[in-house]
Amino acid sequence: MSLLFVTHLLQIGLFVGGFWIAEALLQIGGFEGAAMARPLDYLYFSAVIYTSLGIGNIVPTGHLRFLVGVEALNGLLLIAWSASFLFATMNRLWDWQPCVEPED
């Protein structure tokens, strides 16, 4: 469980770096709304997009919107995969007792 959490945080961190590079170095877009002055602002925005919360207080502009869409899709797929993986692991490791005995 902790490993999955850390993996998701690392994925969010990769997108933080991508957003910073795209905005500051490549200048293919920017952000409107709340100021993106500190690294934690990028982390906040990336976590909101990755988890598909979509709060909307920071809005990407230009071609940066495509990278935001990729992160949202990636986050949706990886969070769903993590939930499926945890369910499969619990199903394999735990002995489930039926709630009702089947009738013959």
N, C-alpha and C. Protein backbone atom coordinates (compact mmCIF):
# COMPACT_ATOMS: atom_id res chain seq x y z
N MET A 1 0.82 -1.18 0.00
CA MET A 1 0.00 0.00 0.00
C MET A 1 0.87 1.25 0.00
N SER A 2 1.87 1.27 0.85
CA SER A 2 2.79 2.42 0.91
C SER A 2 3.57 2.57 -0.39
N LEU A 3 3.96 1.45 -0.97
CA LEU A 3 4.70 1.49 -2.23
C LEU A 3 3.84 2.08 -3.35
N LEU A 4 2.57 1.71 -3.39
CA LEU A 4 1.68 2.29 -4.39
C LEU A 4 1.52 3.79 -4.17
N PHE A 5 1.39 4.21 -2.93
CA PHE A 5 1.26 5.63 -2.63
C PHE A 5 2.49 6.41 -3.07
N VAL A 6 3.66 5.88 -2.75
CA VAL A 6 4.91 6.54 -3.13
C VAL A 6 5.05 6.56 -4.65
N THR A 7 4.64 5.49 -5.31
CA THR A 7 4.69 5.45 -6.78
C THR A 7 3.80 6.52 -7.39
N HIS A 8 2.61 6.71 -6.84
CA HIS A 8 1.73 7.77 -7.34
C HIS A 8 2.34 9.15 -7.09
N LEU A 9 2.96 9.35 -5.93
CA LEU A 9 3.61 10.62 -5.66
C LEU A 9 4.77 10.89 -6.62
N LEU A 10 5.53 9.84 -6.96
CA LEU A 10 6.61 10.00 -7.92
C LEU A 10 6.07 10.35 -9.30
N GLN A 11 4.97 9.73 -9.69
CA GLN A 11 4.35 10.05 -10.97
C GLN A 11 3.89 11.50 -11.00
N ILE A 12 3.28 11.95 -9.92
CA ILE A 12 2.87 13.35 -9.82
C ILE A 12 4.09 14.26 -9.92
N GLY A 13 5.18 13.88 -9.27
CA GLY A 13 6.42 14.65 -9.32
C GLY A 13 6.99 14.74 -10.73
N LEU A 14 6.88 13.67 -11.50
CA LEU A 14 7.35 13.73 -12.89
C LEU A 14 6.57 14.76 -13.69
N PHE A 15 5.28 14.83 -13.47
CA PHE A 15 4.47 15.81 -14.17
C PHE A 15 4.77 17.23 -13.68
N VAL A 16 5.11 17.37 -12.40
CA VAL A 16 5.52 18.69 -11.89
C VAL A 16 6.73 19.19 -12.68
N GLY A 17 7.72 18.32 -12.86
CA GLY A 17 8.89 18.68 -13.64
C GLY A 17 8.52 19.00 -15.08
N GLY A 18 7.61 18.22 -15.65
CA GLY A 18 7.17 18.48 -17.01
C GLY A 18 6.45 19.81 -17.16
N PHE A 19 5.62 20.14 -16.18
CA PHE A 19 4.92 21.43 -16.22
C PHE A 19 5.90 22.59 -16.12
N TRP A 20 6.88 22.46 -15.22
CA TRP A 20 7.85 23.53 -15.06
C TRP A 20 8.68 23.71 -16.32
N ILE A 21 9.14 22.60 -16.91
CA ILE A 21 9.93 22.66 -18.14
C ILE A 21 9.10 23.27 -19.27
N ALA A 22 7.86 22.82 -19.39
CA ALA A 22 7.00 23.30 -20.47
C ALA A 22 6.70 24.79 -20.33
N GLU A 23 6.53 25.25 -19.10
CA GLU A 23 6.20 26.66 -18.90
C GLU A 23 7.45 27.55 -18.92
N ALA A 24 8.45 27.20 -18.14
CA ALA A 24 9.61 28.09 -17.95
C ALA A 24 10.62 28.00 -19.09
N LEU A 25 10.92 26.79 -19.54
CA LEU A 25 11.98 26.63 -20.53
C LEU A 25 11.45 26.62 -21.96
N LEU A 26 10.44 25.80 -22.21
CA LEU A 26 9.91 25.67 -23.57
C LEU A 26 8.92 26.77 -23.93
N GLN A 27 8.30 27.34 -22.92
CA GLN A 27 7.32 28.42 -23.07
C GLN A 27 6.21 28.06 -24.06
N ILE A 28 5.63 26.87 -23.87
CA ILE A 28 4.53 26.43 -24.74
C ILE A 28 3.16 26.70 -24.13
N GLY A 29 3.14 27.31 -22.99
CA GLY A 29 1.88 27.63 -22.31
C GLY A 29 2.15 28.20 -20.95
N GLY A 30 1.09 28.44 -20.23
CA GLY A 30 1.24 28.99 -18.89
C GLY A 30 0.04 28.63 -18.03
N PHE A 31 -0.12 29.35 -16.96
CA PHE A 31 -1.21 29.11 -16.03
C PHE A 31 -1.91 30.42 -15.71
N GLU A 32 -3.20 30.38 -15.60
CA GLU A 32 -4.00 31.54 -15.20
C GLU A 32 -4.71 31.20 -13.90
N GLY A 33 -5.11 32.22 -13.18
CA GLY A 33 -5.78 32.01 -11.90
C GLY A 33 -4.80 32.23 -10.78
N ALA A 34 -4.77 31.30 -9.84
CA ALA A 34 -3.85 31.41 -8.71
C ALA A 34 -2.40 31.40 -9.21
N ALA A 35 -1.54 32.14 -8.53
CA ALA A 35 -0.14 32.26 -8.94
C ALA A 35 0.59 30.93 -8.80
N MET A 36 1.47 30.66 -9.75
CA MET A 36 2.31 29.46 -9.72
C MET A 36 3.74 29.91 -9.47
N ALA A 37 4.02 30.37 -8.27
CA ALA A 37 5.31 30.97 -7.97
C ALA A 37 6.27 30.00 -7.29
N ARG A 38 5.77 28.98 -6.63
CA ARG A 38 6.62 28.08 -5.85
C ARG A 38 6.45 26.64 -6.34
N PRO A 39 7.43 25.78 -6.05
CA PRO A 39 7.32 24.39 -6.46
C PRO A 39 6.08 23.68 -5.88
N LEU A 40 5.67 24.06 -4.66
CA LEU A 40 4.48 23.43 -4.08
C LEU A 40 3.21 23.80 -4.83
N ASP A 41 3.21 24.95 -5.51
CA ASP A 41 2.06 25.30 -6.34
C ASP A 41 1.93 24.34 -7.52
N TYR A 42 3.06 24.00 -8.12
CA TYR A 42 3.06 23.02 -9.20
C TYR A 42 2.63 21.64 -8.68
N LEU A 43 3.11 21.29 -7.48
CA LEU A 43 2.75 20.00 -6.89
C LEU A 43 1.25 19.94 -6.60
N TYR A 44 0.71 21.02 -6.07
CA TYR A 44 -0.73 21.09 -5.80
C TYR A 44 -1.53 20.91 -7.10
N PHE A 45 -1.15 21.67 -8.13
CA PHE A 45 -1.87 21.59 -9.39
C PHE A 45 -1.78 20.18 -9.99
N SER A 46 -0.60 19.60 -9.96
CA SER A 46 -0.40 18.27 -10.52
C SER A 46 -1.22 17.22 -9.76
N ALA A 47 -1.25 17.33 -8.43
CA ALA A 47 -2.04 16.37 -7.64
C ALA A 47 -3.53 16.51 -7.93
N VAL A 48 -4.00 17.73 -8.11
CA VAL A 48 -5.42 17.96 -8.42
C VAL A 48 -5.77 17.34 -9.77
N ILE A 49 -4.90 17.52 -10.74
CA ILE A 49 -5.15 16.98 -12.08
C ILE A 49 -5.02 15.46 -12.07
N TYR A 50 -3.98 14.92 -11.45
CA TYR A 50 -3.72 13.48 -11.42
C TYR A 50 -4.88 12.71 -10.79
N THR A 51 -5.46 13.28 -9.74
CA THR A 51 -6.57 12.60 -9.06
C THR A 51 -7.92 12.95 -9.66
N SER A 52 -7.93 13.75 -10.69
CA SER A 52 -9.15 14.16 -11.41
C SER A 52 -10.13 14.93 -10.53
N LEU A 53 -9.60 15.68 -9.56
CA LEU A 53 -10.47 16.51 -8.73
C LEU A 53 -11.04 17.68 -9.54
N GLY A 54 -10.18 18.30 -10.34
CA GLY A 54 -10.63 19.38 -11.22
C GLY A 54 -11.17 20.59 -10.49
N ILE A 55 -10.48 21.08 -9.48
CA ILE A 55 -10.96 22.20 -8.69
C ILE A 55 -11.09 23.46 -9.55
N GLY A 56 -10.15 23.74 -10.42
CA GLY A 56 -10.28 24.81 -11.38
C GLY A 56 -9.80 26.17 -10.95
N ASN A 57 -9.08 26.28 -9.82
CA ASN A 57 -8.56 27.59 -9.42
C ASN A 57 -7.28 27.94 -10.17
N ILE A 58 -6.68 26.96 -10.85
CA ILE A 58 -5.54 27.18 -11.72
C ILE A 58 -5.90 26.56 -13.07
N VAL A 59 -5.75 27.35 -14.13
CA VAL A 59 -6.16 26.90 -15.46
C VAL A 59 -4.96 26.96 -16.40
N PRO A 60 -4.63 25.85 -17.08
CA PRO A 60 -3.52 25.90 -18.03
C PRO A 60 -3.93 26.62 -19.32
N THR A 61 -2.94 27.20 -19.98
CA THR A 61 -3.19 27.88 -21.25
C THR A 61 -2.21 27.36 -22.29
N GLY A 62 -2.53 27.61 -23.53
CA GLY A 62 -1.65 27.21 -24.62
C GLY A 62 -1.59 25.69 -24.78
N HIS A 63 -0.48 25.24 -25.31
CA HIS A 63 -0.30 23.81 -25.55
C HIS A 63 -0.07 23.01 -24.27
N LEU A 64 0.10 23.71 -23.18
CA LEU A 64 0.25 23.04 -21.89
C LEU A 64 -1.02 22.27 -21.52
N ARG A 65 -2.15 22.66 -22.11
CA ARG A 65 -3.41 21.97 -21.84
C ARG A 65 -3.34 20.51 -22.23
N PHE A 66 -2.60 20.20 -23.29
CA PHE A 66 -2.49 18.81 -23.72
C PHE A 66 -1.77 17.97 -22.66
N LEU A 67 -0.69 18.50 -22.10
CA LEU A 67 0.03 17.79 -21.05
C LEU A 67 -0.85 17.57 -19.83
N VAL A 68 -1.70 18.53 -19.52
CA VAL A 68 -2.64 18.40 -18.39
C VAL A 68 -3.63 17.27 -18.67
N GLY A 69 -4.12 17.19 -19.90
CA GLY A 69 -5.04 16.12 -20.26
C GLY A 69 -4.39 14.75 -20.18
N VAL A 70 -3.14 14.67 -20.60
CA VAL A 70 -2.40 13.40 -20.51
C VAL A 70 -2.23 12.99 -19.06
N GLU A 71 -1.94 13.95 -18.18
CA GLU A 71 -1.79 13.61 -16.76
C GLU A 71 -3.11 13.12 -16.17
N ALA A 72 -4.21 13.76 -16.53
CA ALA A 72 -5.51 13.33 -16.00
C ALA A 72 -5.83 11.91 -16.43
N LEU A 73 -5.60 11.60 -17.70
CA LEU A 73 -5.86 10.25 -18.19
C LEU A 73 -4.92 9.24 -17.53
N ASN A 74 -3.65 9.60 -17.42
CA ASN A 74 -2.67 8.73 -16.79
C ASN A 74 -3.03 8.48 -15.32
N GLY A 75 -3.41 9.52 -14.60
CA GLY A 75 -3.79 9.35 -13.20
C GLY A 75 -5.01 8.46 -13.04
N LEU A 76 -6.00 8.67 -13.90
CA LEU A 76 -7.21 7.84 -13.84
C LEU A 76 -6.88 6.37 -14.06
N LEU A 77 -6.07 6.10 -15.06
CA LEU A 77 -5.70 4.70 -15.35
C LEU A 77 -4.86 4.08 -14.24
N LEU A 78 -3.89 4.82 -13.73
CA LEU A 78 -3.02 4.25 -12.71
C LEU A 78 -3.71 4.09 -11.36
N ILE A 79 -4.59 4.99 -11.01
CA ILE A 79 -5.34 4.82 -9.77
C ILE A 79 -6.29 3.64 -9.88
N ALA A 80 -6.94 3.49 -11.02
CA ALA A 80 -7.82 2.32 -11.22
C ALA A 80 -7.02 1.03 -11.21
N TRP A 81 -5.86 1.04 -11.83
CA TRP A 81 -5.02 -0.15 -11.83
C TRP A 81 -4.57 -0.49 -10.41
N SER A 82 -4.21 0.51 -9.63
CA SER A 82 -3.79 0.28 -8.25
C SER A 82 -4.92 -0.33 -7.42
N ALA A 83 -6.14 0.17 -7.61
CA ALA A 83 -7.28 -0.38 -6.88
C ALA A 83 -7.52 -1.83 -7.29
N SER A 84 -7.42 -2.12 -8.57
CA SER A 84 -7.60 -3.51 -9.05
C SER A 84 -6.50 -4.41 -8.50
N PHE A 85 -5.27 -3.91 -8.48
CA PHE A 85 -4.15 -4.68 -7.96
C PHE A 85 -4.34 -4.99 -6.47
N LEU A 86 -4.76 -3.98 -5.70
CA LEU A 86 -4.98 -4.21 -4.27
C LEU A 86 -6.11 -5.20 -4.04
N PHE A 87 -7.18 -5.09 -4.81
CA PHE A 87 -8.29 -6.03 -4.66
C PHE A 87 -7.85 -7.45 -5.00
N ALA A 88 -7.11 -7.62 -6.09
CA ALA A 88 -6.63 -8.95 -6.47
C ALA A 88 -5.69 -9.52 -5.42
N THR A 89 -4.83 -8.68 -4.87
CA THR A 89 -3.90 -9.14 -3.84
C THR A 89 -4.65 -9.55 -2.57
N MET A 90 -5.60 -8.75 -2.14
CA MET A 90 -6.38 -9.09 -0.95
C MET A 90 -7.20 -10.36 -1.18
N ASN A 91 -7.74 -10.50 -2.37
CA ASN A 91 -8.54 -11.67 -2.69
C ASN A 91 -7.70 -12.94 -2.65
N ARG A 92 -6.44 -12.83 -3.05
CA ARG A 92 -5.54 -13.98 -3.06
C ARG A 92 -5.02 -14.31 -1.66
N LEU A 93 -4.77 -13.30 -0.85
CA LEU A 93 -4.15 -13.52 0.45
C LEU A 93 -5.14 -13.81 1.57
N TRP A 94 -6.33 -13.25 1.52
CA TRP A 94 -7.29 -13.42 2.59
C TRP A 94 -8.25 -14.55 2.28
N ASP A 95 -8.61 -15.27 3.32
CA ASP A 95 -9.58 -16.35 3.18
C ASP A 95 -10.97 -15.78 3.41
N TRP A 96 -11.76 -15.67 2.36
CA TRP A 96 -13.09 -15.10 2.45
C TRP A 96 -14.10 -16.16 2.85
N GLN A 97 -14.87 -15.87 3.87
CA GLN A 97 -15.93 -16.76 4.31
C GLN A 97 -17.23 -16.34 3.66
N PRO A 98 -17.99 -17.27 3.09
CA PRO A 98 -19.27 -16.89 2.49
C PRO A 98 -20.24 -16.41 3.55
N CYS A 99 -21.07 -15.45 3.19
CA CYS A 99 -22.06 -14.92 4.13
C CYS A 99 -23.24 -15.88 4.31
N VAL A 100 -23.55 -16.61 3.27
CA VAL A 100 -24.69 -17.51 3.27
C VAL A 100 -24.25 -18.85 2.70
N GLU A 101 -24.70 -19.92 3.31
CA GLU A 101 -24.39 -21.25 2.78
C GLU A 101 -25.27 -21.50 1.55
N PRO A 102 -24.72 -22.00 0.47
CA PRO A 102 -25.52 -22.27 -0.73
C PRO A 102 -26.52 -23.41 -0.48
N GLU A 103 -27.68 -23.25 -1.05
CA GLU A 103 -28.71 -24.30 -0.92
C GLU A 103 -28.46 -25.36 -1.98
N ASP A 104 -28.66 -26.62 -1.59
CA ASP A 104 -28.48 -27.73 -2.55
C ASP A 104 -29.74 -28.04 -3.27
